[in-house]
Protein backbone atom coordinates (compact mmCIF):
# COMPACT_ATOMS: atom_id res chain seq x y z
CA MET A 1 0.82 7.37 -1.08
CA LEU A 2 -2.36 7.81 -3.05
CA GLY A 3 -2.08 9.98 -6.11
CA VAL A 4 -3.93 11.38 -9.08
CA PHE A 5 -4.31 7.99 -10.76
CA ASN A 6 -6.72 6.77 -8.07
CA THR A 7 -10.09 7.76 -9.51
CA GLU A 8 -12.03 6.20 -6.62
CA ARG A 9 -10.21 7.39 -3.52
CA ILE A 10 -12.45 5.56 -1.04
CA CYS A 11 -11.77 2.22 -2.75
CA ALA A 12 -8.04 2.96 -2.84
CA VAL A 13 -7.99 3.81 0.88
CA VAL A 14 -9.91 0.64 1.75
CA SER A 15 -7.50 -1.43 -0.37
CA LEU A 16 -4.48 0.17 1.28
CA HIS A 17 -5.85 -0.59 4.74
CA ARG A 18 -6.55 -4.19 3.77
CA LEU A 19 -3.00 -4.58 2.47
CA ALA A 20 -1.65 -3.08 5.69
CA GLU A 21 -3.34 -5.88 7.67
CA LEU A 22 -1.20 -8.49 5.90
CA ASP A 23 2.20 -9.54 7.21
CA VAL A 24 3.90 -9.37 3.82
CA GLY A 25 7.59 -9.57 3.05
CA THR A 26 7.47 -8.72 -0.65
CA VAL A 27 5.38 -6.39 -2.79
CA LEU A 28 5.33 -6.68 -6.57
CA PHE A 29 4.03 -3.94 -8.83
CA GLY A 30 3.33 -3.95 -12.54
CA HIS A 31 6.59 -2.08 -13.07
CA GLY A 32 9.95 -1.82 -11.35
CA ASP A 33 11.73 -4.16 -8.99
CA PRO A 34 10.07 -6.03 -6.11
CA HIS A 35 10.15 -4.33 -2.72
CA THR A 36 11.45 -6.74 -0.09
CA HIS A 37 12.67 -4.72 2.90
CA GLY A 38 10.34 -3.51 5.62
CA VAL A 39 7.29 -3.79 3.39
CA ALA A 40 4.71 -4.59 6.09
CA ALA A 41 5.84 -1.65 8.23
CA VAL A 42 5.73 0.74 5.26
CA LEU A 43 2.20 -0.38 4.39
CA ARG A 44 1.07 0.08 8.01
CA ARG A 45 2.57 3.58 8.21
CA ALA A 46 0.99 4.54 4.88
CA ALA A 47 -2.42 3.29 6.02
CA GLU A 48 -2.14 5.15 9.32
CA ALA A 49 -1.37 8.38 7.43
CA THR A 50 -4.20 7.91 4.91
CA THR A 51 -7.86 8.50 5.60
């Protein structure tokens, strides 16, 4: 989930884990369409896989 554009990996990991704690139904990015299906579960799985 985290890529080369994250210059401060620790901050990115902390942010991802904080997002994963939320029960969200929609995620909006600065580009592309909103994500509205299974968002909370995807965030939780990504956080679990990222250290």
